[in-house]
């Protein structure tokens, strides 16, 4: 046990107020969760992947919004990379 200069033991503080980051199924089975939505363990077992403090409907909505944002950013990139047409006066 570590002690201070005066000889008193150093008390370690535990971080008990931190929200769990693994999904509920991985926590119950004591498996390592990759924290994706849905995680690979839940996908392999065909079970619902739910994270504590998050309702299942919002996770589906967040995933669909992320897909929508990714597709819109890809179209923006494609438009910016398209060759510009230059019209010449006749």
N, C-alpha and C. Protein backbone atom coordinates (compact mmCIF):
# COMPACT_ATOMS: atom_id res chain seq x y z
N UNK A 1 0.85 -1.17 0.00
CA UNK A 1 0.00 0.00 0.00
C UNK A 1 0.89 1.23 0.00
N UNK A 2 0.55 2.16 -0.88
CA UNK A 2 1.33 3.40 -0.94
C UNK A 2 0.93 4.31 0.21
N UNK A 3 1.91 5.04 0.68
CA UNK A 3 1.67 5.96 1.80
C UNK A 3 2.26 7.32 1.48
N UNK A 4 1.70 8.33 2.13
CA UNK A 4 2.21 9.69 1.97
C UNK A 4 3.49 9.83 2.79
N UNK A 5 4.12 10.99 2.72
CA UNK A 5 5.34 11.22 3.50
C UNK A 5 5.10 11.10 4.99
N UNK A 6 3.88 11.44 5.41
CA UNK A 6 3.54 11.40 6.84
C UNK A 6 3.20 9.99 7.31
N UNK A 7 3.10 9.03 6.38
CA UNK A 7 2.80 7.66 6.77
C UNK A 7 1.34 7.28 6.63
N UNK A 8 0.50 8.20 6.19
CA UNK A 8 -0.91 7.90 6.02
C UNK A 8 -1.13 7.16 4.68
N UNK A 9 -2.03 6.18 4.66
CA UNK A 9 -2.27 5.46 3.40
C UNK A 9 -2.96 6.36 2.38
N UNK A 10 -2.59 6.17 1.11
CA UNK A 10 -3.21 6.92 0.02
C UNK A 10 -4.50 6.21 -0.36
N UNK A 11 -5.58 6.93 -0.37
CA UNK A 11 -6.89 6.36 -0.70
C UNK A 11 -7.13 6.54 -2.18
N UNK A 12 -7.43 5.44 -2.87
CA UNK A 12 -7.71 5.49 -4.29
C UNK A 12 -9.19 5.75 -4.50
N UNK A 13 -9.50 6.62 -5.44
CA UNK A 13 -10.89 6.92 -5.76
C UNK A 13 -11.32 6.08 -6.95
N UNK A 14 -12.45 5.41 -6.83
CA UNK A 14 -12.99 4.61 -7.92
C UNK A 14 -13.92 5.46 -8.76
N UNK A 15 -13.96 5.19 -10.04
CA UNK A 15 -14.82 5.95 -10.94
C UNK A 15 -16.13 5.20 -11.13
N UNK A 16 -16.96 5.21 -10.13
CA UNK A 16 -18.21 4.50 -10.19
C UNK A 16 -19.33 5.25 -10.87
N UNK A 17 -19.13 6.52 -11.15
CA UNK A 17 -20.20 7.31 -11.74
C UNK A 17 -20.12 7.36 -13.27
N UNK A 18 -19.18 6.65 -13.86
CA UNK A 18 -19.03 6.65 -15.32
C UNK A 18 -20.05 5.69 -15.93
N UNK A 19 -20.68 6.11 -17.00
CA UNK A 19 -21.68 5.29 -17.66
C UNK A 19 -20.99 4.12 -18.38
N UNK A 20 -21.59 2.93 -18.35
CA UNK A 20 -20.99 1.79 -19.04
C UNK A 20 -21.00 2.02 -20.54
N UNK A 21 -19.94 1.59 -21.21
CA UNK A 21 -19.85 1.82 -22.65
C UNK A 21 -20.14 0.57 -23.46
N UNK A 22 -20.23 -0.59 -22.83
CA UNK A 22 -20.54 -1.82 -23.54
C UNK A 22 -22.05 -2.02 -23.59
N UNK A 23 -22.50 -2.77 -24.60
CA UNK A 23 -23.94 -3.03 -24.70
C UNK A 23 -24.38 -3.99 -23.59
N UNK A 24 -25.67 -4.07 -23.38
CA UNK A 24 -26.22 -4.85 -22.28
C UNK A 24 -25.90 -6.35 -22.44
N UNK A 25 -26.00 -6.88 -23.66
CA UNK A 25 -25.75 -8.31 -23.87
C UNK A 25 -24.28 -8.66 -23.58
N UNK A 26 -23.35 -7.83 -24.01
CA UNK A 26 -21.94 -8.08 -23.75
C UNK A 26 -21.63 -7.99 -22.26
N UNK A 27 -22.29 -7.06 -21.58
CA UNK A 27 -22.08 -6.94 -20.14
C UNK A 27 -22.59 -8.18 -19.41
N UNK A 28 -23.75 -8.69 -19.82
CA UNK A 28 -24.31 -9.87 -19.16
C UNK A 28 -23.48 -11.12 -19.43
N UNK A 29 -22.97 -11.26 -20.66
CA UNK A 29 -22.18 -12.44 -21.03
C UNK A 29 -20.69 -12.26 -20.75
N UNK A 30 -20.31 -11.08 -20.27
CA UNK A 30 -18.92 -10.73 -19.97
C UNK A 30 -18.04 -10.93 -21.19
N UNK A 31 -18.49 -10.37 -22.30
CA UNK A 31 -17.74 -10.41 -23.55
C UNK A 31 -17.22 -9.02 -23.86
N UNK A 32 -16.22 -8.96 -24.70
CA UNK A 32 -15.66 -7.67 -25.08
C UNK A 32 -16.52 -7.06 -26.19
N UNK A 33 -17.05 -5.89 -25.94
CA UNK A 33 -17.93 -5.20 -26.88
C UNK A 33 -17.10 -4.24 -27.73
N UNK A 34 -17.35 -4.22 -29.05
CA UNK A 34 -16.60 -3.29 -29.91
C UNK A 34 -17.29 -1.94 -30.00
N UNK A 35 -18.40 -1.76 -29.31
CA UNK A 35 -19.11 -0.48 -29.12
C UNK A 35 -19.64 0.11 -30.42
N UNK A 36 -19.87 -0.71 -31.42
CA UNK A 36 -20.53 -0.23 -32.63
C UNK A 36 -22.02 -0.47 -32.49
N UNK A 37 -22.81 0.01 -33.39
CA UNK A 37 -24.26 -0.16 -33.29
C UNK A 37 -24.76 -0.87 -34.53
N UNK A 38 -25.14 -2.11 -34.51
CA UNK A 38 -25.02 -3.08 -33.41
C UNK A 38 -23.60 -3.64 -33.35
N UNK A 39 -23.21 -4.14 -32.18
CA UNK A 39 -21.86 -4.67 -32.03
C UNK A 39 -21.75 -6.04 -32.71
N UNK A 40 -20.53 -6.46 -32.96
CA UNK A 40 -20.31 -7.71 -33.71
C UNK A 40 -20.80 -8.93 -32.94
N UNK A 41 -20.73 -8.92 -31.61
CA UNK A 41 -21.22 -10.05 -30.82
C UNK A 41 -22.72 -10.21 -30.98
N UNK A 42 -23.44 -9.11 -30.93
CA UNK A 42 -24.90 -9.16 -31.09
C UNK A 42 -25.28 -9.55 -32.52
N UNK A 43 -24.51 -9.09 -33.50
CA UNK A 43 -24.81 -9.44 -34.89
C UNK A 43 -24.63 -10.94 -35.11
N UNK A 44 -23.57 -11.52 -34.54
CA UNK A 44 -23.32 -12.95 -34.71
C UNK A 44 -24.41 -13.79 -34.06
N UNK A 45 -24.97 -13.31 -32.96
CA UNK A 45 -25.98 -14.07 -32.23
C UNK A 45 -27.41 -13.69 -32.61
N UNK A 46 -27.56 -12.73 -33.52
CA UNK A 46 -28.89 -12.26 -33.96
C UNK A 46 -29.77 -11.84 -32.79
N UNK A 47 -29.19 -11.03 -31.90
CA UNK A 47 -29.97 -10.49 -30.78
C UNK A 47 -29.93 -8.97 -30.87
N UNK A 48 -30.85 -8.33 -30.17
CA UNK A 48 -30.89 -6.87 -30.22
C UNK A 48 -29.73 -6.30 -29.40
N UNK A 49 -29.13 -5.27 -29.91
CA UNK A 49 -27.98 -4.64 -29.27
C UNK A 49 -28.45 -3.34 -28.64
N UNK A 50 -28.55 -3.32 -27.33
CA UNK A 50 -29.04 -2.15 -26.61
C UNK A 50 -27.99 -1.67 -25.64
N UNK A 51 -27.77 -0.37 -25.65
CA UNK A 51 -26.83 0.23 -24.73
C UNK A 51 -27.59 0.86 -23.56
N UNK A 52 -27.06 0.79 -22.35
CA UNK A 52 -27.76 1.36 -21.20
C UNK A 52 -27.96 2.86 -21.36
N UNK A 53 -29.14 3.32 -20.98
CA UNK A 53 -29.44 4.75 -21.08
C UNK A 53 -29.84 5.19 -22.46
N UNK A 54 -30.05 4.25 -23.36
CA UNK A 54 -30.41 4.60 -24.74
C UNK A 54 -31.57 3.70 -25.14
N UNK A 55 -32.68 4.31 -25.58
CA UNK A 55 -33.81 3.50 -26.01
C UNK A 55 -33.54 2.95 -27.40
N UNK A 56 -34.05 1.76 -27.72
CA UNK A 56 -33.75 1.13 -29.00
C UNK A 56 -34.21 1.93 -30.21
N UNK A 57 -35.29 2.70 -30.08
CA UNK A 57 -35.78 3.48 -31.21
C UNK A 57 -34.81 4.59 -31.58
N UNK A 58 -34.20 5.23 -30.59
CA UNK A 58 -33.28 6.32 -30.89
C UNK A 58 -32.00 5.80 -31.53
N UNK A 59 -31.57 4.59 -31.17
CA UNK A 59 -30.36 4.05 -31.79
C UNK A 59 -30.59 3.75 -33.26
N UNK A 60 -31.78 3.26 -33.60
CA UNK A 60 -32.10 3.01 -35.01
C UNK A 60 -32.18 4.34 -35.77
N UNK A 61 -32.77 5.34 -35.14
CA UNK A 61 -32.90 6.66 -35.76
C UNK A 61 -31.51 7.27 -35.96
N UNK A 62 -30.62 7.13 -34.98
CA UNK A 62 -29.28 7.68 -35.09
C UNK A 62 -28.50 6.99 -36.21
N UNK A 63 -28.68 5.68 -36.34
CA UNK A 63 -27.98 4.95 -37.40
C UNK A 63 -28.47 5.39 -38.77
N UNK A 64 -29.78 5.58 -38.92
CA UNK A 64 -30.30 6.01 -40.22
C UNK A 64 -29.88 7.44 -40.54
N UNK A 65 -29.80 8.29 -39.52
CA UNK A 65 -29.34 9.66 -39.75
C UNK A 65 -27.87 9.66 -40.16
N UNK A 66 -27.08 8.79 -39.55
CA UNK A 66 -25.66 8.72 -39.90
C UNK A 66 -25.49 8.26 -41.34
N UNK A 67 -26.32 7.30 -41.78
CA UNK A 67 -26.26 6.85 -43.16
C UNK A 67 -26.66 7.97 -44.11
N UNK A 68 -27.68 8.73 -43.75
CA UNK A 68 -28.12 9.84 -44.58
C UNK A 68 -27.05 10.92 -44.69
N UNK A 69 -26.38 11.20 -43.59
CA UNK A 69 -25.32 12.21 -43.60
C UNK A 69 -24.15 11.73 -44.44
N UNK A 70 -23.83 10.45 -44.36
CA UNK A 70 -22.70 9.92 -45.13
C UNK A 70 -23.00 9.99 -46.63
N UNK A 71 -24.22 9.65 -47.02
CA UNK A 71 -24.54 9.67 -48.45
C UNK A 71 -24.58 11.10 -48.98
N UNK A 72 -25.05 12.05 -48.17
CA UNK A 72 -25.08 13.44 -48.64
C UNK A 72 -23.68 14.01 -48.75
N UNK A 73 -22.78 13.62 -47.85
CA UNK A 73 -21.41 14.11 -47.94
C UNK A 73 -20.69 13.49 -49.13
N UNK A 74 -21.03 12.24 -49.47
CA UNK A 74 -20.42 11.61 -50.65
C UNK A 74 -20.88 12.31 -51.92
N UNK A 75 -22.15 12.69 -51.99
CA UNK A 75 -22.63 13.38 -53.19
C UNK A 75 -22.01 14.76 -53.30
N UNK A 76 -21.78 15.42 -52.17
CA UNK A 76 -21.13 16.72 -52.19
C UNK A 76 -19.69 16.60 -52.68
N UNK A 77 -19.01 15.55 -52.24
CA UNK A 77 -17.64 15.33 -52.68
C UNK A 77 -17.61 15.03 -54.17
N UNK A 78 -18.55 14.21 -54.63
CA UNK A 78 -18.61 13.86 -56.05
C UNK A 78 -18.86 15.10 -56.90
N UNK A 79 -19.71 16.00 -56.42
CA UNK A 79 -19.99 17.22 -57.17
C UNK A 79 -18.77 18.13 -57.21
N UNK A 80 -18.01 18.18 -56.13
CA UNK A 80 -16.84 19.05 -56.10
C UNK A 80 -15.71 18.50 -56.95
N UNK A 81 -15.69 17.18 -57.15
CA UNK A 81 -14.63 16.58 -57.95
C UNK A 81 -15.01 16.49 -59.43
N UNK A 82 -16.23 16.79 -59.78
CA UNK A 82 -16.64 16.73 -61.17
C UNK A 82 -15.94 17.83 -61.96
N UNK A 83 -15.53 17.52 -63.21
CA UNK A 83 -14.83 18.55 -63.99
C UNK A 83 -15.77 19.70 -64.32
N UNK A 84 -15.26 20.87 -64.20
CA UNK A 84 -16.05 22.06 -64.49
C UNK A 84 -16.14 22.25 -65.99
N UNK A 85 -17.31 22.60 -66.47
CA UNK A 85 -17.49 22.84 -67.89
C UNK A 85 -17.26 24.33 -68.16
N UNK A 86 -16.42 24.59 -69.11
CA UNK A 86 -16.10 25.98 -69.45
C UNK A 86 -16.71 26.27 -70.82
N UNK A 87 -17.52 27.29 -70.85
CA UNK A 87 -18.12 27.65 -72.14
C UNK A 87 -17.26 28.73 -72.79
N UNK A 88 -17.03 28.55 -74.06
CA UNK A 88 -16.23 29.54 -74.78
C UNK A 88 -17.15 30.40 -75.63
N UNK A 89 -16.90 31.67 -75.68
CA UNK A 89 -17.75 32.57 -76.49
C UNK A 89 -17.54 32.28 -77.98
N UNK A 90 -18.59 32.38 -78.75
CA UNK A 90 -18.49 32.09 -80.17
C UNK A 90 -18.46 33.33 -81.00
